[in-house]
Amino acid sequence: MANTYTWNFPNLERKATEGDLSDVVKTIHYRYTATSDQNNADGNPYSATVYGTVGLGDADSGTFTAFDSITADQAKEWVLAGLDKTEAELQTALDETINNQTTPPLVNGVPSGW
């Protein structure tokens, strides 16, 4: 089983001004999704997603990036730093969720003779 991973940043919240800077990103909304190459009983691939928001600190004019110049890779770096996680750690957690879907650690039921 192989999983593919996709980052998505549906929204970046920003302040109009902070000090001498304009359009300062303060919060990043993110989704990181793993999609399996195996399908479930409905024919859809197994998947798992981690999502949330990361708040950014005060803007630093020495390292400031203008809003329209921010790349998805930069947003990813900021999210990982804000979470204090590596991409590999997130992948491991998503892989575990998919593994639990494909091979549940517990199965519900009652004995057939009941």
C-alpha atoms as a PDB file:
ATOM      1  CA  MET A   1       0.000   0.000   0.000  1.00  0.00           C
ATOM      2  CA  ALA A   2       1.323   3.418  -0.964  1.00  0.00           C
ATOM      3  CA  ASN A   3      -0.073   6.744   0.145  1.00  0.00           C
ATOM      4  CA  THR A   4       0.148  10.086  -1.614  1.00  0.00           C
ATOM      5  CA  TYR A   5       0.166  13.312   0.372  1.00  0.00           C
ATOM      6  CA  THR A   6      -1.314  16.694  -0.482  1.00  0.00           C
ATOM      7  CA  TRP A   7      -1.054  20.059   1.247  1.00  0.00           C
ATOM      8  CA  ASN A   8      -3.870  22.592   0.952  1.00  0.00           C
ATOM      9  CA  PHE A   9      -4.010  26.100   2.375  1.00  0.00           C
ATOM     10  CA  PRO A  10      -7.621  27.252   1.981  1.00  0.00           C
ATOM     11  CA  ASN A  11      -7.188  30.574   3.780  1.00  0.00           C
ATOM     12  CA  LEU A  12      -4.526  32.928   5.079  1.00  0.00           C
ATOM     13  CA  GLU A  13      -5.799  35.562   7.495  1.00  0.00           C
ATOM     14  CA  ARG A  14      -3.947  38.851   7.378  1.00  0.00           C
ATOM     15  CA  LYS A  15      -3.834  42.274   8.989  1.00  0.00           C
ATOM     16  CA  ALA A  16      -4.005  45.308   6.742  1.00  0.00           C
ATOM     17  CA  THR A  17      -1.018  46.864   8.525  1.00  0.00           C
ATOM     18  CA  GLU A  18       1.403  45.951  11.277  1.00  0.00           C
ATOM     19  CA  GLY A  19       3.944  48.653  11.976  1.00  0.00           C
ATOM     20  CA  ASP A  20       5.338  49.740   8.623  1.00  0.00           C
ATOM     21  CA  LEU A  21       4.289  46.492   6.909  1.00  0.00           C
ATOM     22  CA  SER A  22       1.141  45.842   4.869  1.00  0.00           C
ATOM     23  CA  ASP A  23      -0.939  42.675   4.350  1.00  0.00           C
ATOM     24  CA  VAL A  24       0.723  40.768   7.187  1.00  0.00           C
ATOM     25  CA  VAL A  25      -0.290  37.107   7.432  1.00  0.00           C
ATOM     26  CA  LYS A  26      -1.280  36.227  10.992  1.00  0.00           C
ATOM     27  CA  THR A  27      -3.022  32.831  10.656  1.00  0.00           C
ATOM     28  CA  ILE A  28      -2.691  29.978   8.186  1.00  0.00           C
ATOM     29  CA  HIS A  29      -5.496  27.449   7.738  1.00  0.00           C
ATOM     30  CA  TYR A  30      -4.148  24.132   6.472  1.00  0.00           C
ATOM     31  CA  ARG A  31      -5.092  20.595   5.452  1.00  0.00           C
ATOM     32  CA  TYR A  32      -2.654  17.745   4.932  1.00  0.00           C
ATOM     33  CA  THR A  33      -4.241  14.692   3.352  1.00  0.00           C
ATOM     34  CA  ALA A  34      -2.985  11.176   2.725  1.00  0.00           C
ATOM     35  CA  THR A  35      -4.757   9.127   0.065  1.00  0.00           C
ATOM     36  CA  SER A  36      -4.196   5.382  -0.234  1.00  0.00           C
ATOM     37  CA  ASP A  37      -3.879   3.436  -3.456  1.00  0.00           C
ATOM     38  CA  GLN A  38      -6.286   0.888  -1.893  1.00  0.00           C
ATOM     39  CA  ASN A  39     -10.043   1.300  -2.078  1.00  0.00           C
ATOM     40  CA  ASN A  40     -12.600   0.657   0.621  1.00  0.00           C
ATOM     41  CA  ALA A  41     -15.767  -1.432   0.161  1.00  0.00           C
ATOM     42  CA  ASP A  42     -17.493   1.545  -1.501  1.00  0.00           C
ATOM     43  CA  GLY A  43     -14.753   1.745  -4.127  1.00  0.00           C
ATOM     44  CA  ASN A  44     -13.306   4.970  -2.738  1.00  0.00           C
ATOM     45  CA  PRO A  45      -9.676   5.264  -1.676  1.00  0.00           C
ATOM     46  CA  TYR A  46      -8.902   5.253   2.022  1.00  0.00           C
ATOM     47  CA  SER A  47      -7.825   8.682   3.209  1.00  0.00           C
ATOM     48  CA  ALA A  48      -6.928  10.624   6.310  1.00  0.00           C
ATOM     49  CA  THR A  49      -6.592  14.356   6.908  1.00  0.00           C
ATOM     50  CA  VAL A  50      -5.054  16.549   9.548  1.00  0.00           C
ATOM     51  CA  TYR A  51      -6.272  20.123   9.537  1.00  0.00           C
ATOM     52  CA  GLY A  52      -6.224  23.219  11.652  1.00  0.00           C
ATOM     53  CA  THR A  53      -4.773  26.666  11.979  1.00  0.00           C
ATOM     54  CA  VAL A  54      -1.374  27.996  12.917  1.00  0.00           C
ATOM     55  CA  GLY A  55      -0.946  31.483  14.294  1.00  0.00           C
ATOM     56  CA  LEU A  56       2.132  33.403  13.259  1.00  0.00           C
ATOM     57  CA  GLY A  57       3.980  35.736  15.572  1.00  0.00           C
ATOM     58  CA  ASP A  58       4.716  39.386  15.088  1.00  0.00           C
ATOM     59  CA  ALA A  59       6.013  40.315  11.667  1.00  0.00           C
ATOM     60  CA  ASP A  60       9.750  40.893  11.330  1.00  0.00           C
ATOM     61  CA  SER A  61      10.627  43.488   8.699  1.00  0.00           C
ATOM     62  CA  GLY A  62      13.963  41.713   8.116  1.00  0.00           C
ATOM     63  CA  THR A  63      12.313  38.438   7.042  1.00  0.00           C
ATOM     64  CA  PHE A  64       8.903  39.727   5.932  1.00  0.00           C
ATOM     65  CA  THR A  65       7.377  38.266   2.783  1.00  0.00           C
ATOM     66  CA  ALA A  66       4.741  40.308   0.987  1.00  0.00           C
ATOM     67  CA  PHE A  67       1.371  38.542   0.892  1.00  0.00           C
ATOM     68  CA  ASP A  68       1.307  38.123  -2.898  1.00  0.00           C
ATOM     69  CA  SER A  69       4.837  36.654  -2.796  1.00  0.00           C
ATOM     70  CA  ILE A  70       4.099  33.894  -0.268  1.00  0.00           C
ATOM     71  CA  THR A  71       4.457  30.436  -1.799  1.00  0.00           C
ATOM     72  CA  ALA A  72       2.726  27.224  -0.769  1.00  0.00           C
ATOM     73  CA  ASP A  73       6.155  25.852   0.219  1.00  0.00           C
ATOM     74  CA  GLN A  74       6.690  28.813   2.528  1.00  0.00           C
ATOM     75  CA  ALA A  75       3.228  28.362   4.067  1.00  0.00           C
ATOM     76  CA  LYS A  76       4.076  24.683   4.619  1.00  0.00           C
ATOM     77  CA  GLU A  77       7.319  25.624   6.386  1.00  0.00           C
ATOM     78  CA  TRP A  78       5.466  28.057   8.644  1.00  0.00           C
ATOM     79  CA  VAL A  79       2.802  25.460   9.480  1.00  0.00           C
ATOM     80  CA  LEU A  80       5.371  22.777  10.306  1.00  0.00           C
ATOM     81  CA  ALA A  81       7.308  25.244  12.477  1.00  0.00           C
ATOM     82  CA  GLY A  82       4.096  26.304  14.225  1.00  0.00           C
ATOM     83  CA  LEU A  83       3.169  22.678  14.892  1.00  0.00           C
ATOM     84  CA  ASP A  84       6.768  21.817  15.890  1.00  0.00           C
ATOM     85  CA  LYS A  85       6.470  18.754  13.628  1.00  0.00           C
ATOM     86  CA  THR A  86       8.236  17.421  10.592  1.00  0.00           C
ATOM     87  CA  GLU A  87       6.412  16.424   7.456  1.00  0.00           C
ATOM     88  CA  ALA A  88       7.529  12.828   8.106  1.00  0.00           C
ATOM     89  CA  GLU A  89       5.870  12.905  11.550  1.00  0.00           C
ATOM     90  CA  LEU A  90       2.583  14.050  10.020  1.00  0.00           C
ATOM     91  CA  GLN A  91       2.848  11.362   7.339  1.00  0.00           C
ATOM     92  CA  THR A  92       3.395   8.696   9.994  1.00  0.00           C
ATOM     93  CA  ALA A  93       0.255   9.809  11.856  1.00  0.00           C
ATOM     94  CA  LEU A  94      -1.804   9.842   8.636  1.00  0.00           C
ATOM     95  CA  ASP A  95      -0.435   6.436   7.601  1.00  0.00           C
ATOM     96  CA  GLU A  96      -1.453   5.017  10.983  1.00  0.00           C
ATOM     97  CA  THR A  97      -4.989   6.347  10.547  1.00  0.00           C
ATOM     98  CA  ILE A  98      -5.251   4.721   7.115  1.00  0.00           C
ATOM     99  CA  ASN A  99      -3.784   1.466   8.466  1.00  0.00           C
ATOM    100  CA  ASN A 100      -6.462   1.473  11.164  1.00  0.00           C
ATOM    101  CA  GLN A 101      -9.095   1.864   8.443  1.00  0.00           C
ATOM    102  CA  THR A 102      -7.757  -0.985   6.327  1.00  0.00           C
ATOM    103  CA  THR A 103      -6.996  -3.266   9.284  1.00  0.00           C
ATOM    104  CA  PRO A 104      -9.028  -2.118  12.287  1.00  0.00           C
ATOM    105  CA  PRO A 105      -7.286  -2.792  15.610  1.00  0.00           C
ATOM    106  CA  LEU A 106     -10.670  -3.725  17.132  1.00  0.00           C
ATOM    107  CA  VAL A 107     -13.687  -5.281  15.452  1.00  0.00           C
ATOM    108  CA  ASN A 108     -17.220  -4.974  16.829  1.00  0.00           C
ATOM    109  CA  GLY A 109     -19.667  -7.809  17.055  1.00  0.00           C
ATOM    110  CA  VAL A 110     -21.164 -10.556  19.163  1.00  0.00           C
ATOM    111  CA  PRO A 111     -20.734 -14.320  18.933  1.00  0.00           C
ATOM    112  CA  SER A 112     -22.824 -15.919  16.179  1.00  0.00           C
ATOM    113  CA  GLY A 113     -24.679 -18.143  18.675  1.00  0.00           C
ATOM    114  CA  TRP A 114     -26.256 -15.265  20.569  1.00  0.00           C
END
